[in-house]
Amino acid sequence: MDKFVRVTSEAFTRLVKGKSKIYSLNDLKTYAQNFYRGCDGSENVAEDEDALSIVEMEICSSSSVFVRSQQSTWTQHVQFNRYFLRKIPKSQDPVVLDLISKVAQGGL
């Protein structure tokens, strides 16, 4: 999965021509390990999947673009936050499978 995330992130970075930074859960884990170790009483806050998921949802809900998966309840929650609470147009959210297909065909 790490290779998939890395390759997809690299493709998106090429797509936006370096004008935006692409972040993944791996980036969030690294950040948590470096800056919040021990804050919740544990030595490895980056392994708390629930806390990371909540933070990741907030980041995705307020990001300028959210690349979504069509069949995910987690994604549905983020989309609700984006479309109904923050009034972000759906046109800013490409479907991840469409983008992966373009990457596989050498289109990005």
PDB file of N, CA and C in Angstrom:
ATOM      1  N   MET A   1       0.819  -1.195   0.000  1.00  0.00           N
ATOM      2  CA  MET A   1       0.000   0.000   0.000  1.00  0.00           C
ATOM      3  C   MET A   1       0.862   1.258   0.000  1.00  0.00           C
ATOM      4  N   ASP A   2       2.005   1.207   0.679  1.00  0.00           N
ATOM      5  CA  ASP A   2       2.880   2.387   0.711  1.00  0.00           C
ATOM      6  C   ASP A   2       3.347   2.764  -0.688  1.00  0.00           C
ATOM      7  N   LYS A   3       3.649   1.755  -1.526  1.00  0.00           N
ATOM      8  CA  LYS A   3       4.083   2.051  -2.889  1.00  0.00           C
ATOM      9  C   LYS A   3       2.953   2.720  -3.671  1.00  0.00           C
ATOM     10  N   PHE A   4       1.741   2.212  -3.516  1.00  0.00           N
ATOM     11  CA  PHE A   4       0.582   2.802  -4.196  1.00  0.00           C
ATOM     12  C   PHE A   4       0.415   4.268  -3.803  1.00  0.00           C
ATOM     13  N   VAL A   5       0.491   4.556  -2.511  1.00  0.00           N
ATOM     14  CA  VAL A   5       0.338   5.926  -2.022  1.00  0.00           C
ATOM     15  C   VAL A   5       1.452   6.812  -2.573  1.00  0.00           C
ATOM     16  N   ARG A   6       2.674   6.312  -2.555  1.00  0.00           N
ATOM     17  CA  ARG A   6       3.813   7.091  -3.056  1.00  0.00           C
ATOM     18  C   ARG A   6       3.665   7.386  -4.545  1.00  0.00           C
ATOM     19  N   VAL A   7       3.344   6.368  -5.337  1.00  0.00           N
ATOM     20  CA  VAL A   7       3.216   6.540  -6.783  1.00  0.00           C
ATOM     21  C   VAL A   7       2.057   7.479  -7.116  1.00  0.00           C
ATOM     22  N   THR A   8       0.937   7.316  -6.414  1.00  0.00           N
ATOM     23  CA  THR A   8      -0.219   8.178  -6.653  1.00  0.00           C
ATOM     24  C   THR A   8       0.094   9.617  -6.260  1.00  0.00           C
ATOM     25  N   SER A   9       0.758   9.812  -5.125  1.00  0.00           N
ATOM     26  CA  SER A   9       1.143  11.162  -4.697  1.00  0.00           C
ATOM     27  C   SER A   9       2.078  11.813  -5.704  1.00  0.00           C
ATOM     28  N   GLU A  10       3.027  11.045  -6.225  1.00  0.00           N
ATOM     29  CA  GLU A  10       3.945  11.583  -7.229  1.00  0.00           C
ATOM     30  C   GLU A  10       3.187  11.994  -8.491  1.00  0.00           C
ATOM     31  N   ALA A  11       2.204  11.183  -8.898  1.00  0.00           N
ATOM     32  CA  ALA A  11       1.414  11.504 -10.089  1.00  0.00           C
ATOM     33  C   ALA A  11       0.605  12.781  -9.877  1.00  0.00           C
ATOM     34  N   PHE A  12       0.004  12.927  -8.699  1.00  0.00           N
ATOM     35  CA  PHE A  12      -0.760  14.142  -8.402  1.00  0.00           C
ATOM     36  C   PHE A  12       0.145  15.362  -8.349  1.00  0.00           C
ATOM     37  N   THR A  13       1.347  15.196  -7.813  1.00  0.00           N
ATOM     38  CA  THR A  13       2.298  16.309  -7.760  1.00  0.00           C
ATOM     39  C   THR A  13       2.651  16.766  -9.173  1.00  0.00           C
ATOM     40  N   ARG A  14       2.849  15.800 -10.081  1.00  0.00           N
ATOM     41  CA  ARG A  14       3.098  16.163 -11.481  1.00  0.00           C
ATOM     42  C   ARG A  14       1.880  16.860 -12.078  1.00  0.00           C
ATOM     43  N   LEU A  15       0.692  16.373 -11.728  1.00  0.00           N
ATOM     44  CA  LEU A  15      -0.547  16.941 -12.260  1.00  0.00           C
ATOM     45  C   LEU A  15      -0.692  18.412 -11.884  1.00  0.00           C
ATOM     46  N   VAL A  16      -0.371  18.751 -10.646  1.00  0.00           N
ATOM     47  CA  VAL A  16      -0.513  20.136 -10.185  1.00  0.00           C
ATOM     48  C   VAL A  16       0.766  20.945 -10.398  1.00  0.00           C
ATOM     49  N   LYS A  17       1.723  20.323 -11.052  1.00  0.00           N
ATOM     50  CA  LYS A  17       2.980  20.983 -11.426  1.00  0.00           C
ATOM     51  C   LYS A  17       3.695  21.616 -10.229  1.00  0.00           C
ATOM     52  N   GLY A  18       3.663  20.925  -9.091  1.00  0.00           N
ATOM     53  CA  GLY A  18       4.366  21.391  -7.911  1.00  0.00           C
ATOM     54  C   GLY A  18       3.747  22.582  -7.209  1.00  0.00           C
ATOM     55  N   LYS A  19       2.562  23.034  -7.647  1.00  0.00           N
ATOM     56  CA  LYS A  19       1.920  24.204  -7.042  1.00  0.00           C
ATOM     57  C   LYS A  19       1.230  23.871  -5.723  1.00  0.00           C
ATOM     58  N   SER A  20       1.010  22.599  -5.477  1.00  0.00           N
ATOM     59  CA  SER A  20       0.366  22.168  -4.235  1.00  0.00           C
ATOM     60  C   SER A  20       1.136  20.992  -3.665  1.00  0.00           C
ATOM     61  N   LYS A  21       1.013  20.802  -2.380  1.00  0.00           N
ATOM     62  CA  LYS A  21       1.643  19.672  -1.712  1.00  0.00           C
ATOM     63  C   LYS A  21       0.605  18.590  -1.511  1.00  0.00           C
ATOM     64  N   ILE A  22       0.969  17.358  -1.813  1.00  0.00           N
ATOM     65  CA  ILE A  22       0.084  16.210  -1.628  1.00  0.00           C
ATOM     66  C   ILE A  22       0.502  15.529  -0.329  1.00  0.00           C
ATOM     67  N   TYR A  23      -0.463  15.344   0.579  1.00  0.00           N
ATOM     68  CA  TYR A  23      -0.192  14.687   1.858  1.00  0.00           C
ATOM     69  C   TYR A  23      -0.942  13.371   1.935  1.00  0.00           C
ATOM     70  N   SER A  24      -0.391  12.445   2.692  1.00  0.00           N
ATOM     71  CA  SER A  24      -1.032  11.148   2.903  1.00  0.00           C
ATOM     72  C   SER A  24      -1.034  10.824   4.394  1.00  0.00           C
ATOM     73  N   LEU A  25      -1.637   9.706   4.734  1.00  0.00           N
ATOM     74  CA  LEU A  25      -1.660   9.268   6.128  1.00  0.00           C
ATOM     75  C   LEU A  25      -0.241   9.060   6.641  1.00  0.00           C
ATOM     76  N   ASN A  26       0.657   8.610   5.776  1.00  0.00           N
ATOM     77  CA  ASN A  26       2.053   8.438   6.196  1.00  0.00           C
ATOM     78  C   ASN A  26       2.666   9.756   6.649  1.00  0.00           C
ATOM     79  N   ASP A  27       2.340  10.846   5.957  1.00  0.00           N
ATOM     80  CA  ASP A  27       2.834  12.167   6.361  1.00  0.00           C
ATOM     81  C   ASP A  27       2.275  12.559   7.727  1.00  0.00           C
ATOM     82  N   LEU A  28       0.997  12.275   7.953  1.00  0.00           N
ATOM     83  CA  LEU A  28       0.374  12.590   9.238  1.00  0.00           C
ATOM     84  C   LEU A  28       1.009  11.791  10.367  1.00  0.00           C
ATOM     85  N   LYS A  29       1.287  10.514  10.117  1.00  0.00           N
ATOM     86  CA  LYS A  29       1.931   9.681  11.139  1.00  0.00           C
ATOM     87  C   LYS A  29       3.319  10.216  11.485  1.00  0.00           C
ATOM     88  N   THR A  30       4.069  10.591  10.472  1.00  0.00           N
ATOM     89  CA  THR A  30       5.412  11.149  10.704  1.00  0.00           C
ATOM     90  C   THR A  30       5.325  12.428  11.522  1.00  0.00           C
ATOM     91  N   TYR A  31       4.388  13.299  11.162  1.00  0.00           N
ATOM     92  CA  TYR A  31       4.202  14.556  11.891  1.00  0.00           C
ATOM     93  C   TYR A  31       3.850  14.273  13.356  1.00  0.00           C
ATOM     94  N   ALA A  32       2.916  13.347  13.577  1.00  0.00           N
ATOM     95  CA  ALA A  32       2.504  13.013  14.942  1.00  0.00           C
ATOM     96  C   ALA A  32       3.660  12.442  15.754  1.00  0.00           C
ATOM     97  N   GLN A  33       4.464  11.594  15.131  1.00  0.00           N
ATOM     98  CA  GLN A  33       5.614  11.015  15.832  1.00  0.00           C
ATOM     99  C   GLN A  33       6.621  12.092  16.232  1.00  0.00           C
ATOM    100  N   ASN A  34       6.817  13.067  15.355  1.00  0.00           N
ATOM    101  CA  ASN A  34       7.825  14.100  15.610  1.00  0.00           C
ATOM    102  C   ASN A  34       7.374  15.163  16.602  1.00  0.00           C
ATOM    103  N   PHE A  35       6.076  15.492  16.619  1.00  0.00           N
ATOM    104  CA  PHE A  35       5.630  16.638  17.408  1.00  0.00           C
ATOM    105  C   PHE A  35       4.700  16.310  18.575  1.00  0.00           C
ATOM    106  N   TYR A  36       4.119  15.122  18.611  1.00  0.00           N
ATOM    107  CA  TYR A  36       3.134  14.828  19.656  1.00  0.00           C
ATOM    108  C   TYR A  36       3.419  13.546  20.419  1.00  0.00           C
ATOM    109  N   ARG A  37       4.635  13.082  20.381  1.00  0.00           N
ATOM    110  CA  ARG A  37       4.990  11.866  21.119  1.00  0.00           C
ATOM    111  C   ARG A  37       4.749  12.086  22.613  1.00  0.00           C
ATOM    112  N   GLY A  38       3.948  11.223  23.192  1.00  0.00           N
ATOM    113  CA  GLY A  38       3.691  11.272  24.617  1.00  0.00           C
ATOM    114  C   GLY A  38       2.605  12.239  25.059  1.00  0.00           C
ATOM    115  N   CYS A  39       1.999  12.998  24.147  1.00  0.00           N
ATOM    116  CA  CYS A  39       0.989  13.975  24.533  1.00  0.00           C
ATOM    117  C   CYS A  39      -0.266  13.336  25.114  1.00  0.00           C
ATOM    118  N   ASP A  40      -0.596  12.145  24.646  1.00  0.00           N
ATOM    119  CA  ASP A  40      -1.802  11.481  25.145  1.00  0.00           C
ATOM    120  C   ASP A  40      -1.467  10.428  26.197  1.00  0.00           C
ATOM    121  N   GLY A  41      -0.263  10.470  26.707  1.00  0.00           N
ATOM    122  CA  GLY A  41       0.152   9.512  27.720  1.00  0.00           C
ATOM    123  C   GLY A  41       0.809   8.271  27.139  1.00  0.00           C
ATOM    124  N   SER A  42       0.797   8.154  25.832  1.00  0.00           N
ATOM    125  CA  SER A  42       1.438   7.004  25.197  1.00  0.00           C
ATOM    126  C   SER A  42       2.725   7.465  24.526  1.00  0.00           C
ATOM    127  N   GLU A  43       3.554   6.516  24.206  1.00  0.00           N
ATOM    128  CA  GLU A  43       4.812   6.844  23.541  1.00  0.00           C
ATOM    129  C   GLU A  43       4.654   6.958  22.035  1.00  0.00           C
ATOM    130  N   ASN A  44       3.579   6.383  21.479  1.00  0.00           N
ATOM    131  CA  ASN A  44       3.466   6.385  20.030  1.00  0.00           C
ATOM    132  C   ASN A  44       2.069   6.804  19.585  1.00  0.00           C
ATOM    133  N   VAL A  45       1.797   8.088  19.622  1.00  0.00           N
ATOM    134  CA  VAL A  45       0.500   8.623  19.231  1.00  0.00           C
ATOM    135  C   VAL A  45       0.214   8.339  17.755  1.00  0.00           C
ATOM    136  N   ALA A  46       1.238   8.135  16.947  1.00  0.00           N
ATOM    137  CA  ALA A  46       1.055   7.866  15.523  1.00  0.00           C
ATOM    138  C   ALA A  46       0.420   6.508  15.258  1.00  0.00           C
ATOM    139  N   GLU A  47       0.331   5.661  16.266  1.00  0.00           N
ATOM    140  CA  GLU A  47      -0.311   4.355  16.104  1.00  0.00           C
ATOM    141  C   GLU A  47      -1.771   4.371  16.554  1.00  0.00           C
ATOM    142  N   ASP A  48      -2.268   5.496  17.033  1.00  0.00           N
ATOM    143  CA  ASP A  48      -3.669   5.611  17.452  1.00  0.00           C
ATOM    144  C   ASP A  48      -4.516   5.883  16.214  1.00  0.00           C
ATOM    145  N   GLU A  49      -5.010   4.810  15.601  1.00  0.00           N
ATOM    146  CA  GLU A  49      -5.721   4.912  14.322  1.00  0.00           C
ATOM    147  C   GLU A  49      -6.973   5.788  14.413  1.00  0.00           C
ATOM    148  N   ASP A  50      -7.690   5.732  15.528  1.00  0.00           N
ATOM    149  CA  ASP A  50      -8.897   6.555  15.663  1.00  0.00           C
ATOM    150  C   ASP A  50      -8.551   8.041  15.673  1.00  0.00           C
ATOM    151  N   ALA A  51      -7.544   8.410  16.450  1.00  0.00           N
ATOM    152  CA  ALA A  51      -7.141   9.822  16.513  1.00  0.00           C
ATOM    153  C   ALA A  51      -6.637  10.298  15.155  1.00  0.00           C
ATOM    154  N   LEU A  52      -5.833   9.486  14.497  1.00  0.00           N
ATOM    155  CA  LEU A  52      -5.323   9.862  13.178  1.00  0.00           C
ATOM    156  C   LEU A  52      -6.459  10.010  12.167  1.00  0.00           C
ATOM    157  N   SER A  53      -7.443   9.129  12.244  1.00  0.00           N
ATOM    158  CA  SER A  53      -8.572   9.182  11.317  1.00  0.00           C
ATOM    159  C   SER A  53      -9.378  10.464  11.498  1.00  0.00           C
ATOM    160  N   ILE A  54      -9.582  10.874  12.740  1.00  0.00           N
ATOM    161  CA  ILE A  54     -10.329  12.107  13.014  1.00  0.00           C
ATOM    162  C   ILE A  54      -9.568  13.320  12.476  1.00  0.00           C
ATOM    163  N   VAL A  55      -8.273  13.363  12.726  1.00  0.00           N
ATOM    164  CA  VAL A  55      -7.460  14.474  12.221  1.00  0.00           C
ATOM    165  C   VAL A  55      -7.452  14.467  10.694  1.00  0.00           C
ATOM    166  N   GLU A  56      -7.300  13.288  10.111  1.00  0.00           N
ATOM    167  CA  GLU A  56      -7.283  13.175   8.653  1.00  0.00           C
ATOM    168  C   GLU A  56      -8.615  13.626   8.044  1.00  0.00           C
ATOM    169  N   MET A  57      -9.730  13.289   8.696  1.00  0.00           N
ATOM    170  CA  MET A  57     -11.046  13.737   8.217  1.00  0.00           C
ATOM    171  C   MET A  57     -11.149  15.259   8.227  1.00  0.00           C
ATOM    172  N   GLU A  58     -10.656  15.880   9.276  1.00  0.00           N
ATOM    173  CA  GLU A  58     -10.706  17.338   9.368  1.00  0.00           C
ATOM    174  C   GLU A  58      -9.846  17.983   8.281  1.00  0.00           C
ATOM    175  N   ILE A  59      -8.675  17.435   8.049  1.00  0.00           N
ATOM    176  CA  ILE A  59      -7.799  17.968   7.006  1.00  0.00           C
ATOM    177  C   ILE A  59      -8.466  17.825   5.643  1.00  0.00           C
ATOM    178  N   CYS A  60      -8.998  16.653   5.365  1.00  0.00           N
ATOM    179  CA  CYS A  60      -9.648  16.410   4.068  1.00  0.00           C
ATOM    180  C   CYS A  60     -10.905  17.252   3.903  1.00  0.00           C
ATOM    181  N   SER A  61     -11.620  17.472   4.994  1.00  0.00           N
ATOM    182  CA  SER A  61     -12.851  18.262   4.927  1.00  0.00           C
ATOM    183  C   SER A  61     -12.579  19.714   4.575  1.00  0.00           C
ATOM    184  N   SER A  62     -11.422  20.221   4.951  1.00  0.00           N
ATOM    185  CA  SER A  62     -11.141  21.631   4.697  1.00  0.00           C
ATOM    186  C   SER A  62     -10.089  21.863   3.610  1.00  0.00           C
ATOM    187  N   SER A  63      -9.600  20.797   3.000  1.00  0.00           N
ATOM    188  CA  SER A  63      -8.589  20.956   1.953  1.00  0.00           C
ATOM    189  C   SER A  63      -9.196  21.553   0.689  1.00  0.00           C
ATOM    190  N   SER A  64      -8.352  22.123  -0.148  1.00  0.00           N
ATOM    191  CA  SER A  64      -8.868  22.735  -1.372  1.00  0.00           C
ATOM    192  C   SER A  64      -9.352  21.683  -2.362  1.00  0.00           C
ATOM    193  N   VAL A  65      -8.761  20.492  -2.362  1.00  0.00           N
ATOM    194  CA  VAL A  65      -9.221  19.385  -3.209  1.00  0.00           C
ATOM    195  C   VAL A  65      -9.172  18.114  -2.379  1.00  0.00           C
ATOM    196  N   PHE A  66     -10.188  17.284  -2.529  1.00  0.00           N
ATOM    197  CA  PHE A  66     -10.238  15.988  -1.852  1.00  0.00           C
ATOM    198  C   PHE A  66     -10.436  14.915  -2.911  1.00  0.00           C
ATOM    199  N   VAL A  67      -9.471  14.007  -3.039  1.00  0.00           N
ATOM    200  CA  VAL A  67      -9.585  12.907  -3.987  1.00  0.00           C
ATOM    201  C   VAL A  67     -10.279  11.765  -3.252  1.00  0.00           C
ATOM    202  N   ARG A  68     -11.465  11.448  -3.703  1.00  0.00           N
ATOM    203  CA  ARG A  68     -12.319  10.529  -2.957  1.00  0.00           C
ATOM    204  C   ARG A  68     -12.384   9.142  -3.579  1.00  0.00           C
ATOM    205  N   SER A  69     -12.795   8.215  -2.764  1.00  0.00           N
ATOM    206  CA  SER A  69     -13.118   6.865  -3.204  1.00  0.00           C
ATOM    207  C   SER A  69     -14.643   6.768  -3.217  1.00  0.00           C
ATOM    208  N   GLN A  70     -15.202   6.115  -4.206  1.00  0.00           N
ATOM    209  CA  GLN A  70     -16.649   6.118  -4.352  1.00  0.00           C
ATOM    210  C   GLN A  70     -17.381   5.274  -3.307  1.00  0.00           C
ATOM    211  N   GLN A  71     -16.803   4.213  -2.817  1.00  0.00           N
ATOM    212  CA  GLN A  71     -17.539   3.253  -2.001  1.00  0.00           C
ATOM    213  C   GLN A  71     -17.043   3.215  -0.554  1.00  0.00           C
ATOM    214  N   SER A  72     -16.791   4.350   0.028  1.00  0.00           N
ATOM    215  CA  SER A  72     -16.221   4.404   1.363  1.00  0.00           C
ATOM    216  C   SER A  72     -17.109   5.229   2.300  1.00  0.00           C
ATOM    217  N   THR A  73     -17.470   4.654   3.442  1.00  0.00           N
ATOM    218  CA  THR A  73     -18.266   5.421   4.407  1.00  0.00           C
ATOM    219  C   THR A  73     -17.430   6.544   5.009  1.00  0.00           C
ATOM    220  N   TRP A  74     -16.135   6.331   5.147  1.00  0.00           N
ATOM    221  CA  TRP A  74     -15.242   7.377   5.644  1.00  0.00           C
ATOM    222  C   TRP A  74     -15.280   8.559   4.681  1.00  0.00           C
ATOM    223  N   THR A  75     -15.200   8.281   3.387  1.00  0.00           N
ATOM    224  CA  THR A  75     -15.270   9.324   2.367  1.00  0.00           C
ATOM    225  C   THR A  75     -16.616  10.030   2.399  1.00  0.00           C
ATOM    226  N   GLN A  76     -17.688   9.281   2.592  1.00  0.00           N
ATOM    227  CA  GLN A  76     -19.017   9.886   2.649  1.00  0.00           C
ATOM    228  C   GLN A  76     -19.106  10.905   3.779  1.00  0.00           C
ATOM    229  N   HIS A  77     -18.481  10.605   4.908  1.00  0.00           N
ATOM    230  CA  HIS A  77     -18.464  11.539   6.034  1.00  0.00           C
ATOM    231  C   HIS A  77     -17.714  12.820   5.649  1.00  0.00           C
ATOM    232  N   VAL A  78     -16.563  12.658   5.004  1.00  0.00           N
ATOM    233  CA  VAL A  78     -15.782  13.824   4.562  1.00  0.00           C
ATOM    234  C   VAL A  78     -16.584  14.633   3.548  1.00  0.00           C
ATOM    235  N   GLN A  79     -17.214  13.964   2.596  1.00  0.00           N
ATOM    236  CA  GLN A  79     -18.006  14.663   1.587  1.00  0.00           C
ATOM    237  C   GLN A  79     -19.151  15.444   2.234  1.00  0.00           C
ATOM    238  N   PHE A  80     -19.806  14.859   3.210  1.00  0.00           N
ATOM    239  CA  PHE A  80     -20.875  15.581   3.917  1.00  0.00           C
ATOM    240  C   PHE A  80     -20.328  16.874   4.502  1.00  0.00           C
ATOM    241  N   ASN A  81     -19.193  16.776   5.183  1.00  0.00           N
ATOM    242  CA  ASN A  81     -18.574  17.976   5.766  1.00  0.00           C
ATOM    243  C   ASN A  81     -18.240  19.009   4.698  1.00  0.00           C
ATOM    244  N   ARG A  82     -17.691  18.566   3.590  1.00  0.00           N
ATOM    245  CA  ARG A  82     -17.273  19.488   2.531  1.00  0.00           C
ATOM    246  C   ARG A  82     -18.465  20.146   1.850  1.00  0.00           C
ATOM    247  N   TYR A  83     -19.425  19.353   1.400  1.00  0.00           N
ATOM    248  CA  TYR A  83     -20.519  19.859   0.566  1.00  0.00           C
ATOM    249  C   TYR A  83     -21.594  20.590   1.356  1.00  0.00           C
ATOM    250  N   PHE A  84     -21.942  20.076   2.525  1.00  0.00           N
ATOM    251  CA  PHE A  84     -23.070  20.649   3.251  1.00  0.00           C
ATOM    252  C   PHE A  84     -22.669  21.615   4.359  1.00  0.00           C
ATOM    253  N   LEU A  85     -21.540  21.372   4.994  1.00  0.00           N
ATOM    254  CA  LEU A  85     -21.114  22.260   6.075  1.00  0.00           C
ATOM    255  C   LEU A  85     -20.193  23.377   5.571  1.00  0.00           C
ATOM    256  N   ARG A  86     -19.340  23.065   4.616  1.00  0.00           N
ATOM    257  CA  ARG A  86     -18.379  24.060   4.130  1.00  0.00           C
ATOM    258  C   ARG A  86     -18.727  24.604   2.750  1.00  0.00           C
ATOM    259  N   LYS A  87     -19.741  24.046   2.100  1.00  0.00           N
ATOM    260  CA  LYS A  87     -20.239  24.529   0.804  1.00  0.00           C
ATOM    261  C   LYS A  87     -19.156  24.521  -0.286  1.00  0.00           C
ATOM    262  N   ILE A  88     -18.361  23.468  -0.335  1.00  0.00           N
ATOM    263  CA  ILE A  88     -17.325  23.324  -1.363  1.00  0.00           C
ATOM    264  C   ILE A  88     -17.954  22.640  -2.575  1.00  0.00           C
ATOM    265  N   PRO A  89     -17.747  23.164  -3.778  1.00  0.00           N
ATOM    266  CA  PRO A  89     -18.359  22.559  -4.978  1.00  0.00           C
ATOM    267  C   PRO A  89     -17.852  21.145  -5.237  1.00  0.00           C
ATOM    268  N   LYS A  90     -18.753  20.271  -5.642  1.00  0.00           N
ATOM    269  CA  LYS A  90     -18.372  18.890  -5.944  1.00  0.00           C
ATOM    270  C   LYS A  90     -17.368  18.811  -7.079  1.00  0.00           C
ATOM    271  N   SER A  91     -17.339  19.798  -7.936  1.00  0.00           N
ATOM    272  CA  SER A  91     -16.419  19.784  -9.077  1.00  0.00           C
ATOM    273  C   SER A  91     -14.953  19.808  -8.645  1.00  0.00           C
ATOM    274  N   GLN A  92     -14.677  20.143  -7.387  1.00  0.00           N
ATOM    275  CA  GLN A  92     -13.302  20.163  -6.888  1.00  0.00           C
ATOM    276  C   GLN A  92     -12.846  18.802  -6.377  1.00  0.00           C
ATOM    277  N   ASP A  93     -13.703  17.798  -6.451  1.00  0.00           N
ATOM    278  CA  ASP A  93     -13.382  16.489  -5.881  1.00  0.00           C
ATOM    279  C   ASP A  93     -13.382  15.380  -6.938  1.00  0.00           C
ATOM    280  N   PRO A  94     -12.246  15.147  -7.595  1.00  0.00           N
ATOM    281  CA  PRO A  94     -12.186  14.079  -8.590  1.00  0.00           C
ATOM    282  C   PRO A  94     -12.278  12.703  -7.931  1.00  0.00           C
ATOM    283  N   VAL A  95     -12.793  11.734  -8.662  1.00  0.00           N
ATOM    284  CA  VAL A  95     -12.888  10.362  -8.166  1.00  0.00           C
ATOM    285  C   VAL A  95     -11.517   9.708  -8.324  1.00  0.00           C
ATOM    286  N   VAL A  96     -11.008   9.114  -7.259  1.00  0.00           N
ATOM    287  CA  VAL A  96      -9.656   8.560  -7.258  1.00  0.00           C
ATOM    288  C   VAL A  96      -9.482   7.486  -8.320  1.00  0.00           C
ATOM    289  N   LEU A  97     -10.481   6.673  -8.569  1.00  0.00           N
ATOM    290  CA  LEU A  97     -10.332   5.610  -9.560  1.00  0.00           C
ATOM    291  C   LEU A  97     -10.152   6.171 -10.967  1.00  0.00           C
ATOM    292  N   ASP A  98     -10.792   7.289 -11.265  1.00  0.00           N
ATOM    293  CA  ASP A  98     -10.598   7.927 -12.566  1.00  0.00           C
ATOM    294  C   ASP A  98      -9.167   8.418 -12.714  1.00  0.00           C
ATOM    295  N   LEU A  99      -8.614   8.995 -11.663  1.00  0.00           N
ATOM    296  CA  LEU A  99      -7.252   9.502 -11.709  1.00  0.00           C
ATOM    297  C   LEU A  99      -6.234   8.365 -11.799  1.00  0.00           C
ATOM    298  N   ILE A 100      -6.488   7.272 -11.067  1.00  0.00           N
ATOM    299  CA  ILE A 100      -5.593   6.118 -11.116  1.00  0.00           C
ATOM    300  C   ILE A 100      -5.577   5.541 -12.524  1.00  0.00           C
ATOM    301  N   SER A 101      -6.741   5.486 -13.134  1.00  0.00           N
ATOM    302  CA  SER A 101      -6.831   4.989 -14.509  1.00  0.00           C
ATOM    303  C   SER A 101      -5.992   5.846 -15.443  1.00  0.00           C
ATOM    304  N   LYS A 102      -6.044   7.148 -15.292  1.00  0.00           N
ATOM    305  CA  LYS A 102      -5.237   8.042 -16.132  1.00  0.00           C
ATOM    306  C   LYS A 102      -3.755   7.830 -15.886  1.00  0.00           C
ATOM    307  N   VAL A 103      -3.372   7.614 -14.608  1.00  0.00           N
ATOM    308  CA  VAL A 103      -1.980   7.363 -14.282  1.00  0.00           C
ATOM    309  C   VAL A 103      -1.510   6.074 -14.951  1.00  0.00           C
ATOM    310  N   ALA A 104      -2.339   5.031 -14.875  1.00  0.00           N
ATOM    311  CA  ALA A 104      -1.996   3.744 -15.461  1.00  0.00           C
ATOM    312  C   ALA A 104      -1.841   3.831 -16.968  1.00  0.00           C
ATOM    313  N   GLN A 105      -2.573   4.731 -17.590  1.00  0.00           N
ATOM    314  CA  GLN A 105      -2.507   4.905 -19.039  1.00  0.00           C
ATOM    315  C   GLN A 105      -1.431   5.917 -19.434  1.00  0.00           C
ATOM    316  N   GLY A 106      -0.704   6.412 -18.446  1.00  0.00           N
ATOM    317  CA  GLY A 106       0.367   7.377 -18.724  1.00  0.00           C
ATOM    318  C   GLY A 106      -0.142   8.775 -18.989  1.00  0.00           C
ATOM    319  N   GLY A 107      -1.368   9.068 -18.535  1.00  0.00           N
ATOM    320  CA  GLY A 107      -1.973  10.362 -18.825  1.00  0.00           C
ATOM    321  C   GLY A 107      -1.603  11.471 -17.874  1.00  0.00           C
ATOM    322  N   LEU A 108      -0.988  11.173 -16.760  1.00  0.00           N
ATOM    323  CA  LEU A 108      -0.656  12.255 -15.815  1.00  0.00           C
ATOM    324  C   LEU A 108       0.829  12.494 -15.805  1.00  0.00           C
TER     325      LEU A 108
END
